[in-house]
Each structure stands twice: as C-alpha cells, then as structure tokens.
C-alpha cells in the first residue's frame, strides 16, 4: 500500500490542473490515478485536430484564460467569416444565409486543446501520475481514505490518502466506484442525474489541402436537419492545414450499429452535398464516439442529449466523508459546468478547500 497526502482520481484537465495547483502550493506528496493509458480525459487531439473539447471564451472565462497565458500557449481565433449553410432535406439544395460571429469571441488553441494537456503534464513530476489505473473502491474511516485501483490485467493496487479529489464526472463515479461507507443519502441520486458533457456525442473531422469553402465566401459553418452531422464548423489549424468538423445528429444507438468506415462515408457524402464535390475527398478523416468510451459514458449518458447540468454538491457537509472527498470534475463547477473553464474552476475550488483543511489540521 502506498500512502500520500492527496490522491487525485482522473487525469483530465481538472485532475492535471489540481496537481499543478497542489505543486504550486508546496504539496508534492500526491498521486494522480488515471484509468486511460494517457492523460487527457475528454480533451483529445489528433494531428492537431480536436475530437473533444474545442473552444473557450477568454472574455468570460478568466481563470482558464490566465492558465493558457501562464503556460505560453498560442491561440487561434475560430474562423467565422462568410456565409453559413442550412440543410433541411438531404435531397434539397442547401440554403445560404449570412453567417454570424460569436460574441464574445470563441478561441481555440493552436495545435489543438491537447497542447493544454501536454503543457500541464510537462510541468508535473511524471512519477506522480499513474496511468492504466481504474479506481474501483473508496473506503473512508476517521483518519484517511483507502483506494483500490485495478490495472488492465486485473491486478489491484491500494493507496491511502488523507484527502481525495474526484476528477471524474459525477455520473461515471456513481456507476463505477464503490463507496464505503455509503455516501450521503442524496449524493448518488444527484450524481446519477448529472449529465456528463460530451458523453452522448460523437465528432467527425475531415482535413483537406486547402479551405476551398472560403473561396466560395463560406465560413465552413452549416446546420442540418437530416444529418448525419447536425452542426459543422471550420476546423482549420494554425499550420495552414484545412479542415471541417461536425457533431453527429445520429444518436449513440444508431452509431453503435455502424463501423467508422460507414460513418465516414455518410459524412463525406453530406459534406459534398453542402460544400461541393471537393469535400468528398479529404486527405484525413477522424471519428471519435464519446458514447462508446467507457471512461466517459454510462448507459444513462448514451440515451441523453448531453446538456450542461447544474452542479451537484462537491463535498459532504457532515459525516465521515466530510473533508475527505471533494468533486472537482467540470460538472462540479457552479459557473461553467461541462466546459473547459468548469474543469479549471472546480479544480481550483477543490485544491483551495484541501489546502484550507490541511492548514486547519496543523
């Protein structure tokens, strides 16, 4: 059994940022446990293209904006200049309409949001991050919390910590982790009712040699009532590579019965109907179905719409779990639940609570 002062469960943005804040506060005796093979959580970039979280809004989300600046990450304005397309029927010609610009402005990161994960990962002691460890059980007594984590071969590792920061979505925690003694009576119900952002969704990216839609005076934005993609945006990256990406309209149950190759063929056909024959020949295609990711989605998420949920309680006000367990995933953010900024806000609040508790117990 390994003993540390703090265990963070989950190495997505909230978990990595919490580790960063603990380190800055002089608390380096912590462990960060991640079920996946690598950090990142719901942030995933391939070849610089985002398959998970994509945007943030600096004018509204100051703490996240400050972190991006602190890490020296380059920004990329979302391309919105030009007309957008509306598709009401697959067989009908798409309607062209004046586009609109986000207000406040939406911003991406050059190189994809994965650069944020890489930057945080790079400033941490790698020995403190243990991947391939799915936490299965938390047992709390008056002195500490004991955690059991299982690796890919079914081997169990045990950890003991004075405090646990839970950086996985509430619904996923309720479905996959056993808590002993039982959590406060209303917690499991509230957690299960908290939708996990991105969990029902899937994204498609098509890369091209040039942003030919801009030559037509189009922004790359489109909305479709017939799919397979419901919402499409320009996903071109800072190095000049052009791309479009879209969110699937088809629900998880429909997608589950189709291979990635079939999904890609339907998406190519739709993009060609919208943007012309050049759209049928991407140089790269990517699909990420978050509903099929067991580290993100539960059965309840797969049938949902992935709305931003109201934050459930993040910490127990009384009982044995008081001061021992604090939720810090994005869904626990009171201001930006489900957003990147929510992960930063919830992590900051959680670490502040932990450092206060440690100060009080001295």
Protein backbone atom coordinates (compact mmCIF):
# COMPACT_ATOMS: atom_id res chain seq x y z
CA UNK A 1 0.00 0.00 0.00
CA UNK A 2 1.25 3.47 -0.90
CA UNK A 3 0.42 6.40 1.36
CA UNK A 4 0.25 10.01 0.15
CA UNK A 5 -1.36 13.19 1.41
CA UNK A 6 -3.72 13.59 -1.59
CA UNK A 7 -4.96 11.26 -4.33
CA UNK A 8 -6.50 12.76 -7.46
CA UNK A 9 -8.75 10.35 -9.36
CA UNK A 10 -8.73 11.21 -13.07
CA UNK A 11 -6.06 12.93 -15.19
CA UNK A 12 -8.20 15.05 -17.46
CA UNK A 13 -7.92 18.83 -17.34
CA UNK A 14 -9.36 19.13 -13.82
CA UNK A 15 -7.07 16.44 -12.41
CA UNK A 16 -3.92 17.78 -14.06
CA UNK A 17 -4.72 21.35 -13.07
CA UNK A 18 -5.39 20.26 -9.48
CA UNK A 19 -1.98 18.55 -9.42
CA UNK A 20 -0.40 21.73 -10.82
CA UNK A 21 -2.06 23.82 -8.09
CA UNK A 22 -1.02 21.39 -5.34
CA UNK A 23 2.56 21.58 -6.55
CA UNK A 24 2.45 25.38 -6.57
CA UNK A 25 1.10 25.28 -3.01
CA UNK A 26 4.09 23.19 -1.93
CA UNK A 27 2.13 19.94 -1.66
CA UNK A 28 4.06 17.44 -3.75
CA UNK A 29 3.12 14.30 -1.84
CA UNK A 30 0.21 13.35 -4.09
CA UNK A 31 -0.70 10.71 -6.66
CA UNK A 32 -2.73 11.19 -9.82
CA UNK A 33 -4.51 7.98 -10.92
CA UNK A 34 -5.86 7.70 -14.48
CA UNK A 35 -7.85 4.82 -15.97
CA UNK A 36 -6.80 5.55 -19.54
CA UNK A 37 -3.39 4.80 -20.98
CA UNK A 38 -2.58 8.53 -21.14
CA UNK A 39 -3.79 11.78 -19.54
CA UNK A 40 -6.35 13.98 -21.25
CA UNK A 41 -9.83 12.81 -20.34
CA UNK A 42 -12.40 14.43 -22.62
CA UNK A 43 -9.70 16.52 -24.30
CA UNK A 44 -8.31 14.63 -27.25
CA UNK A 45 -6.43 15.98 -30.24
CA UNK A 46 -5.06 14.00 -33.18
CA UNK A 47 -2.76 15.65 -35.71
CA UNK A 48 -3.72 18.97 -34.11
CA UNK A 49 -7.46 18.46 -34.67
CA UNK A 50 -9.78 18.42 -31.66
CA UNK A 51 -12.00 15.39 -31.17
CA UNK A 52 -13.25 16.51 -27.76
CA UNK A 53 -13.40 19.95 -26.20
CA UNK A 54 -12.64 22.62 -28.81
CA UNK A 55 -13.32 26.21 -27.71
CA UNK A 56 -13.06 28.59 -24.82
CA UNK A 57 -14.16 32.21 -24.38
CA UNK A 58 -11.41 34.40 -22.85
CA UNK A 59 -13.74 37.34 -22.20
CA UNK A 60 -15.92 35.15 -19.97
CA UNK A 61 -13.51 32.55 -18.62
CA UNK A 62 -10.72 34.49 -16.97
CA UNK A 63 -9.18 31.69 -14.90
CA UNK A 64 -8.80 29.40 -17.90
CA UNK A 65 -7.52 32.31 -19.99
CA UNK A 66 -4.94 33.03 -17.30
CA UNK A 67 -3.78 29.41 -17.32
CA UNK A 68 -3.40 29.44 -21.12
CA UNK A 69 -1.32 32.61 -20.86
CA UNK A 70 0.75 31.26 -17.99
CA UNK A 71 1.61 28.15 -20.00
CA UNK A 72 2.50 30.26 -23.03
CA UNK A 73 0.07 28.53 -25.39
CA UNK A 74 -0.76 30.10 -28.76
CA UNK A 75 -4.37 30.90 -29.57
CA UNK A 76 -6.32 30.53 -32.77
CA UNK A 77 -9.46 32.54 -33.50
CA UNK A 78 -12.38 30.45 -34.71
CA UNK A 79 -12.91 31.20 -38.42
CA UNK A 80 -16.45 32.58 -38.85
CA UNK A 81 -16.15 34.97 -41.80
CA UNK A 82 -18.54 34.23 -44.66
CA UNK A 83 -21.97 32.75 -45.15
CA UNK A 84 -23.30 29.65 -43.44
CA UNK A 85 -25.39 26.84 -44.93
CA UNK A 86 -28.73 25.41 -43.80
CA UNK A 87 -29.77 21.91 -44.87
CA UNK A 88 -33.42 20.99 -44.34
CA UNK A 89 -33.58 17.92 -46.61
CA UNK A 90 -30.80 15.72 -47.95
CA UNK A 91 -32.19 15.91 -51.49
CA UNK A 92 -32.70 19.69 -51.44
CA UNK A 93 -30.15 22.36 -52.29
CA UNK A 94 -28.74 23.86 -49.06
CA UNK A 95 -29.81 27.39 -48.23
CA UNK A 96 -27.12 30.03 -47.96
CA UNK A 97 -27.57 32.68 -45.28
CA UNK A 98 -25.38 35.38 -43.72
CA UNK A 99 -23.21 33.92 -41.00
CA UNK A 100 -22.71 35.32 -37.56
CA UNK A 101 -19.76 35.89 -35.30
CA UNK A 102 -19.66 34.61 -31.75
CA UNK A 103 -19.90 37.28 -29.11
CA UNK A 104 -17.80 37.08 -27.05
CA UNK A 105 -15.31 35.54 -29.47
CA UNK A 106 -14.67 31.80 -29.37
CA UNK A 107 -11.00 30.81 -29.31
CA UNK A 108 -9.14 27.56 -29.98
CA UNK A 109 -5.57 26.60 -29.20
CA UNK A 110 -3.01 26.33 -31.99
CA UNK A 111 -2.11 22.66 -32.18
CA UNK A 112 -5.40 21.65 -30.56
CA UNK A 113 -6.62 21.55 -26.97
CA UNK A 114 -4.29 18.62 -26.44
CA UNK A 115 -1.48 21.18 -26.12
CA UNK A 116 -3.06 22.30 -22.85
CA UNK A 117 -2.89 18.74 -21.52
CA UNK A 118 0.68 18.34 -22.76
CA UNK A 119 1.77 21.60 -21.14
CA UNK A 120 0.30 20.71 -17.74
CA UNK A 121 1.65 17.17 -17.97
CA UNK A 122 5.07 18.60 -18.77
CA UNK A 123 5.35 20.69 -15.60
CA UNK A 124 4.45 17.80 -13.28
CA UNK A 125 6.62 15.05 -11.82
CA UNK A 126 5.77 12.11 -14.07
CA UNK A 127 6.32 9.66 -11.22
CA UNK A 128 3.24 11.14 -9.53
CA UNK A 129 0.99 10.19 -12.46
CA UNK A 130 -0.04 6.54 -12.69
CA UNK A 131 -1.98 5.59 -15.84
CA UNK A 132 -3.94 2.42 -16.55
CA UNK A 133 -5.39 2.51 -13.02
CA UNK A 134 -9.18 2.39 -12.80
CA UNK A 135 -10.30 3.26 -9.27
CA UNK A 136 -12.90 0.72 -8.15
CA UNK A 137 -13.40 1.34 -4.43
CA UNK A 138 -13.04 4.11 -1.86
CA UNK A 139 -13.26 3.22 1.80
CA UNK A 140 -13.23 6.05 4.32
CA UNK A 141 -12.51 5.99 8.07
CA UNK A 142 -11.90 8.80 10.51
CA UNK A 143 -8.20 9.06 9.59
CA UNK A 144 -8.00 8.63 5.81
CA UNK A 145 -9.40 7.17 2.59
CA UNK A 146 -8.23 3.86 1.20
CA UNK A 147 -8.47 3.45 -2.59
CA UNK A 148 -8.37 0.28 -4.64
CA UNK A 149 -7.35 0.65 -8.29
CA UNK A 150 -7.35 -2.07 -10.95
CA UNK A 151 -4.99 -2.24 -13.93
CA UNK A 152 -5.65 -3.81 -17.34
CA UNK A 153 -4.61 -7.27 -16.10
CA UNK A 154 -6.98 -7.15 -13.15
CA UNK A 155 -4.24 -6.55 -10.59
CA UNK A 156 -5.24 -4.42 -7.60
CA UNK A 157 -3.12 -1.60 -6.18
CA UNK A 158 -4.05 0.04 -2.88
CA UNK A 159 -3.48 3.65 -1.91
CA UNK A 160 -4.15 5.57 1.29
CA UNK A 161 -4.60 9.33 1.42
CA UNK A 162 -5.84 11.98 3.78
CA UNK A 163 -7.86 13.64 1.01
CA UNK A 164 -9.28 12.54 -2.35
CA UNK A 165 -10.04 14.88 -5.23
CA UNK A 166 -12.52 13.19 -7.57
CA UNK A 167 -11.77 14.41 -11.10
CA UNK A 168 -14.17 12.11 -12.95
CA UNK A 169 -17.75 13.06 -13.87
CA UNK A 170 -20.30 12.52 -11.07
CA UNK A 171 -22.43 10.09 -13.07
CA UNK A 172 -19.41 8.00 -14.04
CA UNK A 173 -18.19 7.93 -10.43
CA UNK A 174 -21.60 6.78 -9.19
CA UNK A 175 -21.69 4.00 -11.79
CA UNK A 176 -18.13 2.67 -11.48
CA UNK A 177 -16.84 3.32 -7.93
CA UNK A 178 -17.97 1.61 -4.74
CA UNK A 179 -18.01 3.91 -1.71
CA UNK A 180 -17.83 2.56 1.84
CA UNK A 181 -19.48 3.68 3.96
CA UNK A 182 -22.25 4.85 1.65
CA UNK A 183 -22.15 8.46 0.51
CA UNK A 184 -24.62 10.98 1.97
CA UNK A 185 -28.11 9.83 1.03
CA UNK A 186 -28.86 12.35 -1.73
CA UNK A 187 -25.45 12.22 -3.39
CA UNK A 188 -25.81 9.10 -5.57
CA UNK A 189 -29.18 10.32 -6.81
CA UNK A 190 -27.83 13.78 -7.61
CA UNK A 191 -24.71 12.35 -9.26
CA UNK A 192 -26.68 9.96 -11.45
CA UNK A 193 -28.94 12.83 -12.52
CA UNK A 194 -25.95 14.97 -13.59
CA UNK A 195 -25.42 14.54 -17.34
CA UNK A 196 -21.80 14.15 -18.43
CA UNK A 197 -20.86 16.71 -21.06
CA UNK A 198 -19.70 15.13 -24.37
CA UNK A 199 -20.78 11.66 -23.25
CA UNK A 200 -23.63 11.15 -25.79
CA UNK A 201 -21.77 12.89 -28.61
CA UNK A 202 -19.50 11.93 -31.49
CA UNK A 203 -17.35 14.12 -33.73
CA UNK A 204 -16.10 13.79 -37.29
CA UNK A 205 -13.13 15.66 -38.79
CA UNK A 206 -12.24 15.88 -42.48
CA UNK A 207 -8.92 17.50 -43.46
CA UNK A 208 -8.14 18.98 -46.90
CA UNK A 209 -5.23 20.53 -48.73
CA UNK A 210 -6.97 23.92 -48.80
CA UNK A 211 -10.06 25.60 -47.28
CA UNK A 212 -11.91 25.66 -50.60
CA UNK A 213 -15.21 26.69 -48.95
CA UNK A 214 -13.68 30.06 -48.12
CA UNK A 215 -13.11 30.62 -51.84
CA UNK A 216 -16.91 30.38 -52.18
CA UNK A 217 -17.44 33.01 -49.49
CA UNK A 218 -18.50 30.36 -46.95
CA UNK A 219 -17.46 30.25 -43.32
CA UNK A 220 -17.50 26.46 -43.14
CA UNK A 221 -20.45 26.57 -40.74
CA UNK A 222 -23.56 24.57 -41.52
CA UNK A 223 -26.65 23.31 -39.72
CA UNK A 224 -28.50 20.24 -40.90
CA UNK A 225 -31.88 18.75 -40.01
CA UNK A 226 -31.13 15.48 -41.82
CA UNK A 227 -27.58 14.57 -40.81
CA UNK A 228 -25.57 12.60 -40.23
CA UNK A 229 -23.87 15.77 -38.94
CA UNK A 230 -26.10 18.35 -37.28
CA UNK A 231 -23.59 21.15 -36.70
CA UNK A 232 -20.48 21.79 -38.80
CA UNK A 233 -17.60 24.25 -38.34
CA UNK A 234 -14.30 25.22 -39.89
CA UNK A 235 -11.59 23.26 -38.05
CA UNK A 236 -8.55 24.53 -39.97
CA UNK A 237 -5.41 24.69 -37.87
CA UNK A 238 -2.61 27.20 -37.42
CA UNK A 239 -0.08 25.43 -39.65
CA UNK A 240 -2.27 26.02 -42.70
CA UNK A 241 -3.97 22.63 -42.89
CA UNK A 242 -7.65 22.99 -43.72
CA UNK A 243 -10.46 21.00 -42.11
CA UNK A 244 -14.15 20.81 -41.35
CA UNK A 245 -15.61 19.12 -38.30
CA UNK A 246 -19.10 18.21 -37.22
CA UNK A 247 -21.14 16.84 -34.33
CA UNK A 248 -23.23 13.81 -35.21
CA UNK A 249 -27.00 14.16 -35.10
CA UNK A 250 -27.48 10.39 -35.16
CA UNK A 251 -27.89 9.11 -31.59
CA UNK A 252 -25.49 6.71 -29.92
CA UNK A 253 -27.74 3.70 -30.53
CA UNK A 254 -27.66 4.29 -34.29
CA UNK A 255 -23.92 4.95 -34.38
CA UNK A 256 -23.20 1.80 -32.39
CA UNK A 257 -24.50 -0.35 -35.23
CA UNK A 258 -22.23 1.24 -37.86
CA UNK A 259 -18.49 0.96 -38.41
CA UNK A 260 -16.27 4.04 -38.54
CA UNK A 261 -15.80 3.47 -42.27
CA UNK A 262 -19.55 3.57 -42.85
CA UNK A 263 -19.95 6.68 -40.69
CA UNK A 264 -17.16 8.39 -42.61
CA UNK A 265 -18.75 7.58 -45.96
CA UNK A 266 -22.06 9.15 -44.87
CA UNK A 267 -20.22 12.23 -43.60
CA UNK A 268 -18.25 12.65 -46.82
CA UNK A 269 -21.47 12.45 -48.83
CA UNK A 270 -23.12 15.10 -46.66
CA UNK A 271 -20.15 17.47 -46.89
CA UNK A 272 -20.15 17.07 -50.67
CA UNK A 273 -23.84 17.98 -50.80
CA UNK A 274 -23.13 21.07 -48.73
CA UNK A 275 -19.75 22.31 -49.95
CA UNK A 276 -19.33 20.70 -53.35
CA UNK A 277 -17.50 17.67 -54.81
CA UNK A 278 -14.08 18.63 -53.39
CA UNK A 279 -15.44 17.91 -49.92
CA UNK A 280 -15.83 14.22 -50.86
CA UNK A 281 -12.04 13.75 -50.98
CA UNK A 282 -10.45 14.56 -47.60
CA UNK A 283 -6.79 13.79 -47.01
CA UNK A 284 -7.54 12.67 -43.44
CA UNK A 285 -10.68 11.56 -41.61
CA UNK A 286 -11.16 11.12 -37.87
CA UNK A 287 -14.12 9.90 -35.82
CA UNK A 288 -14.41 9.90 -32.04
CA UNK A 289 -17.57 8.49 -30.44
CA UNK A 290 -17.55 9.51 -26.80
CA UNK A 291 -20.62 7.39 -26.08
CA UNK A 292 -18.51 4.31 -26.81
CA UNK A 293 -15.79 5.41 -24.38
CA UNK A 294 -16.21 3.55 -21.04
CA UNK A 295 -14.06 6.15 -19.30
CA UNK A 296 -16.57 8.84 -20.28
CA UNK A 297 -20.07 7.47 -20.80
CA UNK A 298 -22.51 5.34 -18.83
CA UNK A 299 -25.70 3.72 -20.13
CA UNK A 300 -27.65 6.75 -18.90
CA UNK A 301 -25.45 9.11 -20.95
CA UNK A 302 -25.87 7.14 -24.17
CA UNK A 303 -29.58 7.86 -24.22
CA UNK A 304 -29.23 11.53 -23.32
CA UNK A 305 -28.59 14.81 -25.09
CA UNK A 306 -25.50 15.89 -23.15
CA UNK A 307 -26.84 19.18 -21.83
CA UNK A 308 -24.82 21.25 -19.38
CA UNK A 309 -26.12 20.18 -15.97
CA UNK A 310 -26.47 22.06 -12.70
CA UNK A 311 -23.56 21.26 -10.41
CA UNK A 312 -24.29 18.77 -7.61
CA UNK A 313 -22.72 19.21 -4.13
CA UNK A 314 -18.94 18.82 -4.34
CA UNK A 315 -18.24 17.96 -0.70
CA UNK A 316 -20.07 16.45 2.28
CA UNK A 317 -21.15 18.92 4.94
CA UNK A 318 -21.07 16.29 7.68
CA UNK A 319 -20.33 12.64 8.37
CA UNK A 320 -17.26 10.52 7.77
CA UNK A 321 -16.75 11.82 4.21
CA UNK A 322 -16.58 15.46 5.32
CA UNK A 323 -13.21 16.90 4.40
CA UNK A 324 -12.09 13.61 2.83
CA UNK A 325 -13.72 13.66 -0.64
CA UNK A 326 -14.20 16.64 -2.97
CA UNK A 327 -15.57 16.53 -6.52
CA UNK A 328 -13.53 18.59 -8.99
CA UNK A 329 -14.57 17.40 -12.48
CA UNK A 330 -16.07 20.05 -14.75
CA UNK A 331 -19.64 19.05 -13.84
CA UNK A 332 -18.95 20.24 -10.27
CA UNK A 333 -18.27 23.79 -11.47
CA UNK A 334 -21.03 26.19 -10.37
CA UNK A 335 -20.28 28.64 -13.21
CA UNK A 336 -19.18 26.58 -16.24
CA UNK A 337 -20.44 23.05 -15.71
CA UNK A 338 -19.17 20.78 -18.50
CA UNK A 339 -16.89 23.38 -20.08
CA UNK A 340 -13.08 23.52 -20.05
CA UNK A 341 -13.37 26.55 -17.80
CA UNK A 342 -15.52 24.46 -15.47
CA UNK A 343 -12.72 21.93 -15.03
CA UNK A 344 -10.35 24.75 -14.11
CA UNK A 345 -12.83 26.40 -11.75
CA UNK A 346 -13.81 23.16 -9.98
CA UNK A 347 -10.17 22.09 -9.59
CA UNK A 348 -9.23 25.46 -8.16
CA UNK A 349 -12.08 25.34 -5.65
CA UNK A 350 -11.18 21.79 -4.65
CA UNK A 351 -7.49 22.49 -4.10
CA UNK A 352 -8.34 25.63 -2.14
CA UNK A 353 -10.57 23.54 0.14
CA UNK A 354 -7.85 20.91 0.60
CA UNK A 355 -5.15 23.44 1.48
CA UNK A 356 -7.52 25.12 3.94
CA UNK A 357 -8.23 21.78 5.60
CA UNK A 358 -4.54 20.98 5.84
CA UNK A 359 -3.85 24.40 7.38
CA UNK A 360 -6.62 23.89 9.93
CA UNK A 361 -5.43 20.41 10.92
CA UNK A 362 -1.87 21.56 11.70
